[in-house]
């Protein structure tokens, strides 16, 4: 089930994004980004509609997915 990001408190949304970034591990890209930069980038994707917050009733977990990938699965 997709959770509309607009329905979440700002602090809750930030905590979900931060938790997701920490679970995803290290990014060895050209330039290492700080946790804050990664969270802000992810929040931008969520707010633009490119990424969605998904609640799994089966596993009782929350995740963030690419919108197109999630909708075409």
PDB file of N, CA and C in Angstrom:
ATOM      1  N   UNK A   1       0.837  -1.163   0.000  1.00  0.00           N
ATOM      2  CA  UNK A   1       0.000   0.000   0.000  1.00  0.00           C
ATOM      3  C   UNK A   1       0.894   1.242   0.000  1.00  0.00           C
ATOM      4  N   UNK A   2       0.622   2.162  -0.907  1.00  0.00           N
ATOM      5  CA  UNK A   2       1.384   3.409  -0.973  1.00  0.00           C
ATOM      6  C   UNK A   2       0.860   4.370   0.090  1.00  0.00           C
ATOM      7  N   UNK A   3       1.772   4.946   0.849  1.00  0.00           N
ATOM      8  CA  UNK A   3       1.428   5.955   1.851  1.00  0.00           C
ATOM      9  C   UNK A   3       1.739   7.321   1.256  1.00  0.00           C
ATOM     10  N   UNK A   4       0.750   8.188   1.121  1.00  0.00           N
ATOM     11  CA  UNK A   4       1.022   9.528   0.589  1.00  0.00           C
ATOM     12  C   UNK A   4       1.956  10.292   1.533  1.00  0.00           C
ATOM     13  N   UNK A   5       3.064  10.783   1.009  1.00  0.00           N
ATOM     14  CA  UNK A   5       4.034  11.471   1.864  1.00  0.00           C
ATOM     15  C   UNK A   5       3.428  12.714   2.490  1.00  0.00           C
ATOM     16  N   UNK A   6       2.438  13.310   1.833  1.00  0.00           N
ATOM     17  CA  UNK A   6       1.808  14.524   2.347  1.00  0.00           C
ATOM     18  C   UNK A   6       1.028  14.264   3.635  1.00  0.00           C
ATOM     19  N   UNK A   7       0.678  13.004   3.879  1.00  0.00           N
ATOM     20  CA  UNK A   7      -0.099  12.669   5.075  1.00  0.00           C
ATOM     21  C   UNK A   7       0.781  12.477   6.307  1.00  0.00           C
ATOM     22  N   UNK A   8       2.093  12.513   6.117  1.00  0.00           N
ATOM     23  CA  UNK A   8       3.028  12.297   7.223  1.00  0.00           C
ATOM     24  C   UNK A   8       3.532  13.620   7.790  1.00  0.00           C
ATOM     25  N   UNK A   9       3.800  13.619   9.082  1.00  0.00           N
ATOM     26  CA  UNK A   9       4.459  14.763   9.712  1.00  0.00           C
ATOM     27  C   UNK A   9       5.855  14.892   9.106  1.00  0.00           C
ATOM     28  N   UNK A  10       6.377  16.114   9.038  1.00  0.00           N
ATOM     29  CA  UNK A  10       7.709  16.342   8.460  1.00  0.00           C
ATOM     30  C   UNK A  10       8.780  15.498   9.138  1.00  0.00           C
ATOM     31  N   UNK A  11       8.750  15.425  10.459  1.00  0.00           N
ATOM     32  CA  UNK A  11       9.758  14.667  11.206  1.00  0.00           C
ATOM     33  C   UNK A  11       9.646  13.174  10.914  1.00  0.00           C
ATOM     34  N   UNK A  12       8.431  12.673  10.779  1.00  0.00           N
ATOM     35  CA  UNK A  12       8.220  11.259  10.456  1.00  0.00           C
ATOM     36  C   UNK A  12       8.763  10.944   9.071  1.00  0.00           C
ATOM     37  N   UNK A  13       8.472  11.799   8.116  1.00  0.00           N
ATOM     38  CA  UNK A  13       8.969  11.615   6.755  1.00  0.00           C
ATOM     39  C   UNK A  13      10.495  11.600   6.741  1.00  0.00           C
ATOM     40  N   UNK A  14      11.108  12.531   7.450  1.00  0.00           N
ATOM     41  CA  UNK A  14      12.572  12.593   7.526  1.00  0.00           C
ATOM     42  C   UNK A  14      13.133  11.324   8.171  1.00  0.00           C
ATOM     43  N   UNK A  15      12.500  10.839   9.232  1.00  0.00           N
ATOM     44  CA  UNK A  15      12.969   9.628   9.906  1.00  0.00           C
ATOM     45  C   UNK A  15      12.860   8.399   9.008  1.00  0.00           C
ATOM     46  N   UNK A  16      11.796   8.307   8.232  1.00  0.00           N
ATOM     47  CA  UNK A  16      11.640   7.190   7.292  1.00  0.00           C
ATOM     48  C   UNK A  16      12.747   7.237   6.244  1.00  0.00           C
ATOM     49  N   UNK A  17      13.001   8.418   5.698  1.00  0.00           N
ATOM     50  CA  UNK A  17      14.048   8.567   4.682  1.00  0.00           C
ATOM     51  C   UNK A  17      15.419   8.241   5.267  1.00  0.00           C
ATOM     52  N   UNK A  18      15.690   8.719   6.469  1.00  0.00           N
ATOM     53  CA  UNK A  18      16.983   8.457   7.105  1.00  0.00           C
ATOM     54  C   UNK A  18      17.168   6.970   7.371  1.00  0.00           C
ATOM     55  N   UNK A  19      16.136   6.321   7.857  1.00  0.00           N
ATOM     56  CA  UNK A  19      16.197   4.884   8.108  1.00  0.00           C
ATOM     57  C   UNK A  19      16.477   4.117   6.821  1.00  0.00           C
ATOM     58  N   UNK A  20      15.825   4.506   5.732  1.00  0.00           N
ATOM     59  CA  UNK A  20      16.035   3.858   4.441  1.00  0.00           C
ATOM     60  C   UNK A  20      17.478   4.034   3.978  1.00  0.00           C
ATOM     61  N   UNK A  21      18.002   5.246   4.063  1.00  0.00           N
ATOM     62  CA  UNK A  21      19.377   5.525   3.629  1.00  0.00           C
ATOM     63  C   UNK A  21      20.363   4.694   4.444  1.00  0.00           C
ATOM     64  N   UNK A  22      20.155   4.597   5.744  1.00  0.00           N
ATOM     65  CA  UNK A  22      21.061   3.821   6.593  1.00  0.00           C
ATOM     66  C   UNK A  22      20.998   2.328   6.271  1.00  0.00           C
ATOM     67  N   UNK A  23      19.830   1.818   5.897  1.00  0.00           N
ATOM     68  CA  UNK A  23      19.688   0.399   5.530  1.00  0.00           C
ATOM     69  C   UNK A  23      20.349   0.083   4.204  1.00  0.00           C
ATOM     70  N   UNK A  24      20.386   1.057   3.305  1.00  0.00           N
ATOM     71  CA  UNK A  24      20.898   0.819   1.955  1.00  0.00           C
ATOM     72  C   UNK A  24      22.411   0.663   1.897  1.00  0.00           C
ATOM     73  N   UNK A  25      23.122   0.991   2.945  1.00  0.00           N
ATOM     74  CA  UNK A  25      24.568   0.791   2.961  1.00  0.00           C
ATOM     75  C   UNK A  25      25.338   1.938   2.359  1.00  0.00           C
ATOM     76  N   UNK A  26      26.576   1.645   2.002  1.00  0.00           N
ATOM     77  CA  UNK A  26      27.504   2.667   1.524  1.00  0.00           C
ATOM     78  C   UNK A  26      27.423   2.820   0.016  1.00  0.00           C
ATOM     79  N   UNK A  27      27.471   4.061  -0.425  1.00  0.00           N
ATOM     80  CA  UNK A  27      27.485   4.376  -1.847  1.00  0.00           C
ATOM     81  C   UNK A  27      28.902   4.793  -2.217  1.00  0.00           C
ATOM     82  N   UNK A  28      29.561   4.020  -3.054  1.00  0.00           N
ATOM     83  CA  UNK A  28      30.937   4.328  -3.447  1.00  0.00           C
ATOM     84  C   UNK A  28      30.959   5.047  -4.785  1.00  0.00           C
ATOM     85  N   UNK A  29      30.153   6.075  -4.910  1.00  0.00           N
ATOM     86  CA  UNK A  29      30.100   6.868  -6.133  1.00  0.00           C
ATOM     87  C   UNK A  29      31.318   7.756  -6.264  1.00  0.00           C
ATOM     88  N   UNK A  30      31.284   8.623  -7.249  1.00  0.00           N
ATOM     89  CA  UNK A  30      32.398   9.527  -7.532  1.00  0.00           C
ATOM     90  C   UNK A  30      32.726  10.381  -6.316  1.00  0.00           C
ATOM     91  N   UNK A  31      31.697  10.855  -5.655  1.00  0.00           N
ATOM     92  CA  UNK A  31      31.889  11.683  -4.465  1.00  0.00           C
ATOM     93  C   UNK A  31      30.971  11.164  -3.369  1.00  0.00           C
ATOM     94  N   UNK A  32      31.544  10.839  -2.217  1.00  0.00           N
ATOM     95  CA  UNK A  32      30.748  10.339  -1.102  1.00  0.00           C
ATOM     96  C   UNK A  32      29.893  11.471  -0.534  1.00  0.00           C
ATOM     97  N   UNK A  33      28.603  11.211  -0.378  1.00  0.00           N
ATOM     98  CA  UNK A  33      27.684  12.202   0.161  1.00  0.00           C
ATOM     99  C   UNK A  33      27.477  11.966   1.650  1.00  0.00           C
ATOM    100  N   UNK A  34      27.193  13.025   2.371  1.00  0.00           N
ATOM    101  CA  UNK A  34      26.890  12.899   3.794  1.00  0.00           C
ATOM    102  C   UNK A  34      25.504  12.280   3.956  1.00  0.00           C
ATOM    103  N   UNK A  35      25.224  11.800   5.150  1.00  0.00           N
ATOM    104  CA  UNK A  35      23.905  11.247   5.441  1.00  0.00           C
ATOM    105  C   UNK A  35      22.831  12.293   5.163  1.00  0.00           C
ATOM    106  N   UNK A  36      23.070  13.517   5.584  1.00  0.00           N
ATOM    107  CA  UNK A  36      22.101  14.591   5.373  1.00  0.00           C
ATOM    108  C   UNK A  36      21.840  14.828   3.884  1.00  0.00           C
ATOM    109  N   UNK A  37      22.897  14.794   3.068  1.00  0.00           N
ATOM    110  CA  UNK A  37      22.730  14.990   1.626  1.00  0.00           C
ATOM    111  C   UNK A  37      21.930  13.842   1.011  1.00  0.00           C
ATOM    112  N   UNK A  38      22.232  12.617   1.432  1.00  0.00           N
ATOM    113  CA  UNK A  38      21.502  11.457   0.910  1.00  0.00           C
ATOM    114  C   UNK A  38      20.022  11.524   1.286  1.00  0.00           C
ATOM    115  N   UNK A  39      19.751  11.903   2.538  1.00  0.00           N
ATOM    116  CA  UNK A  39      18.365  12.022   2.997  1.00  0.00           C
ATOM    117  C   UNK A  39      17.645  13.112   2.209  1.00  0.00           C
ATOM    118  N   UNK A  40      18.290  14.258   2.032  1.00  0.00           N
ATOM    119  CA  UNK A  40      17.672  15.352   1.277  1.00  0.00           C
ATOM    120  C   UNK A  40      17.413  14.965  -0.175  1.00  0.00           C
ATOM    121  N   UNK A  41      18.347  14.232  -0.793  1.00  0.00           N
ATOM    122  CA  UNK A  41      18.140  13.757  -2.168  1.00  0.00           C
ATOM    123  C   UNK A  41      16.938  12.814  -2.245  1.00  0.00           C
ATOM    124  N   UNK A  42      16.841  11.919  -1.266  1.00  0.00           N
ATOM    125  CA  UNK A  42      15.727  10.974  -1.240  1.00  0.00           C
ATOM    126  C   UNK A  42      14.401  11.702  -1.003  1.00  0.00           C
ATOM    127  N   UNK A  43      14.400  12.674  -0.104  1.00  0.00           N
ATOM    128  CA  UNK A  43      13.187  13.456   0.138  1.00  0.00           C
ATOM    129  C   UNK A  43      12.749  14.194  -1.124  1.00  0.00           C
ATOM    130  N   UNK A  44      13.700  14.672  -1.891  1.00  0.00           N
ATOM    131  CA  UNK A  44      13.373  15.340  -3.158  1.00  0.00           C
ATOM    132  C   UNK A  44      12.696  14.374  -4.123  1.00  0.00           C
ATOM    133  N   UNK A  45      13.197  13.139  -4.183  1.00  0.00           N
ATOM    134  CA  UNK A  45      12.584  12.125  -5.051  1.00  0.00           C
ATOM    135  C   UNK A  45      11.161  11.805  -4.605  1.00  0.00           C
ATOM    136  N   UNK A  46      10.969  11.721  -3.297  1.00  0.00           N
ATOM    137  CA  UNK A  46       9.635  11.430  -2.761  1.00  0.00           C
ATOM    138  C   UNK A  46       8.680  12.577  -3.071  1.00  0.00           C
ATOM    139  N   UNK A  47       9.114  13.788  -2.791  1.00  0.00           N
ATOM    140  CA  UNK A  47       8.244  14.957  -2.989  1.00  0.00           C
ATOM    141  C   UNK A  47       7.939  15.218  -4.462  1.00  0.00           C
ATOM    142  N   UNK A  48       8.848  14.822  -5.341  1.00  0.00           N
ATOM    143  CA  UNK A  48       8.610  15.019  -6.776  1.00  0.00           C
ATOM    144  C   UNK A  48       7.718  13.923  -7.362  1.00  0.00           C
ATOM    145  N   UNK A  49       7.512  12.856  -6.604  1.00  0.00           N
ATOM    146  CA  UNK A  49       6.677  11.759  -7.087  1.00  0.00           C
ATOM    147  C   UNK A  49       7.456  10.655  -7.775  1.00  0.00           C
ATOM    148  N   UNK A  50       8.782  10.766  -7.832  1.00  0.00           N
ATOM    149  CA  UNK A  50       9.604   9.733  -8.470  1.00  0.00           C
ATOM    150  C   UNK A  50       9.753   8.494  -7.598  1.00  0.00           C
ATOM    151  N   UNK A  51       9.630   8.680  -6.287  1.00  0.00           N
ATOM    152  CA  UNK A  51       9.727   7.572  -5.339  1.00  0.00           C
ATOM    153  C   UNK A  51       8.482   7.585  -4.460  1.00  0.00           C
ATOM    154  N   UNK A  52       8.081   6.405  -3.995  1.00  0.00           N
ATOM    155  CA  UNK A  52       6.895   6.289  -3.149  1.00  0.00           C
ATOM    156  C   UNK A  52       7.235   5.547  -1.861  1.00  0.00           C
ATOM    157  N   UNK A  53       6.488   5.875  -0.821  1.00  0.00           N
ATOM    158  CA  UNK A  53       6.617   5.190   0.464  1.00  0.00           C
ATOM    159  C   UNK A  53       5.597   4.061   0.458  1.00  0.00           C
ATOM    160  N   UNK A  54       6.076   2.852   0.751  1.00  0.00           N
ATOM    161  CA  UNK A  54       5.233   1.662   0.640  1.00  0.00           C
ATOM    162  C   UNK A  54       5.185   0.926   1.976  1.00  0.00           C
ATOM    163  N   UNK A  55       3.977   0.608   2.421  1.00  0.00           N
ATOM    164  CA  UNK A  55       3.768  -0.186   3.624  1.00  0.00           C
ATOM    165  C   UNK A  55       3.414  -1.603   3.202  1.00  0.00           C
ATOM    166  N   UNK A  56       4.150  -2.589   3.744  1.00  0.00           N
ATOM    167  CA  UNK A  56       3.850  -3.994   3.484  1.00  0.00           C
ATOM    168  C   UNK A  56       3.034  -4.534   4.648  1.00  0.00           C
ATOM    169  N   UNK A  57       1.782  -4.840   4.388  1.00  0.00           N
ATOM    170  CA  UNK A  57       0.936  -5.404   5.434  1.00  0.00           C
ATOM    171  C   UNK A  57       1.411  -6.796   5.820  1.00  0.00           C
ATOM    172  N   UNK A  58       1.914  -7.553   4.851  1.00  0.00           N
ATOM    173  CA  UNK A  58       2.388  -8.907   5.104  1.00  0.00           C
ATOM    174  C   UNK A  58       3.566  -8.914   6.068  1.00  0.00           C
ATOM    175  N   UNK A  59       4.550  -8.053   5.805  1.00  0.00           N
ATOM    176  CA  UNK A  59       5.770  -8.033   6.612  1.00  0.00           C
ATOM    177  C   UNK A  59       5.760  -6.954   7.686  1.00  0.00           C
ATOM    178  N   UNK A  60       4.740  -6.095   7.661  1.00  0.00           N
ATOM    179  CA  UNK A  60       4.625  -4.972   8.592  1.00  0.00           C
ATOM    180  C   UNK A  60       5.891  -4.123   8.583  1.00  0.00           C
ATOM    181  N   UNK A  61       6.303  -3.755   7.360  1.00  0.00           N
ATOM    182  CA  UNK A  61       7.495  -2.933   7.170  1.00  0.00           C
ATOM    183  C   UNK A  61       7.178  -1.784   6.227  1.00  0.00           C
ATOM    184  N   UNK A  62       8.016  -0.769   6.306  1.00  0.00           N
ATOM    185  CA  UNK A  62       7.884   0.385   5.422  1.00  0.00           C
ATOM    186  C   UNK A  62       9.124   0.448   4.547  1.00  0.00           C
ATOM    187  N   UNK A  63       8.950   0.839   3.291  1.00  0.00           N
ATOM    188  CA  UNK A  63      10.064   0.899   2.353  1.00  0.00           C
ATOM    189  C   UNK A  63       9.837   2.067   1.402  1.00  0.00           C
ATOM    190  N   UNK A  64      10.873   2.416   0.671  1.00  0.00           N
ATOM    191  CA  UNK A  64      10.779   3.455  -0.348  1.00  0.00           C
ATOM    192  C   UNK A  64      11.177   2.818  -1.670  1.00  0.00           C
ATOM    193  N   UNK A  65      10.323   2.970  -2.663  1.00  0.00           N
ATOM    194  CA  UNK A  65      10.535   2.331  -3.963  1.00  0.00           C
ATOM    195  C   UNK A  65      10.468   3.361  -5.083  1.00  0.00           C
ATOM    196  N   UNK A  66      11.161   3.049  -6.180  1.00  0.00           N
ATOM    197  CA  UNK A  66      11.004   3.824  -7.402  1.00  0.00           C
ATOM    198  C   UNK A  66       9.555   3.658  -7.856  1.00  0.00           C
ATOM    199  N   UNK A  67       8.873   4.752  -8.109  1.00  0.00           N
ATOM    200  CA  UNK A  67       7.444   4.698  -8.424  1.00  0.00           C
ATOM    201  C   UNK A  67       7.153   3.845  -9.649  1.00  0.00           C
ATOM    202  N   UNK A  68       7.896   4.046 -10.731  1.00  0.00           N
ATOM    203  CA  UNK A  68       7.641   3.293 -11.958  1.00  0.00           C
ATOM    204  C   UNK A  68       7.863   1.807 -11.761  1.00  0.00           C
ATOM    205  N   UNK A  69       8.931   1.429 -11.076  1.00  0.00           N
ATOM    206  CA  UNK A  69       9.207   0.012 -10.824  1.00  0.00           C
ATOM    207  C   UNK A  69       8.122  -0.610  -9.957  1.00  0.00           C
ATOM    208  N   UNK A  70       7.687   0.126  -8.949  1.00  0.00           N
ATOM    209  CA  UNK A  70       6.669  -0.398  -8.039  1.00  0.00           C
ATOM    210  C   UNK A  70       5.334  -0.594  -8.751  1.00  0.00           C
ATOM    211  N   UNK A  71       4.955   0.351  -9.587  1.00  0.00           N
ATOM    212  CA  UNK A  71       3.651   0.280 -10.249  1.00  0.00           C
ATOM    213  C   UNK A  71       3.606  -0.728 -11.390  1.00  0.00           C
ATOM    214  N   UNK A  72       4.767  -1.109 -11.944  1.00  0.00           N
ATOM    215  CA  UNK A  72       4.787  -2.054 -13.064  1.00  0.00           C
ATOM    216  C   UNK A  72       5.147  -3.467 -12.639  1.00  0.00           C
ATOM    217  N   UNK A  73       5.227  -3.724 -11.378  1.00  0.00           N
ATOM    218  CA  UNK A  73       5.595  -5.069 -10.910  1.00  0.00           C
ATOM    219  C   UNK A  73       4.471  -6.033 -11.034  1.00  0.00           C
TER     220      UNK A  73
END
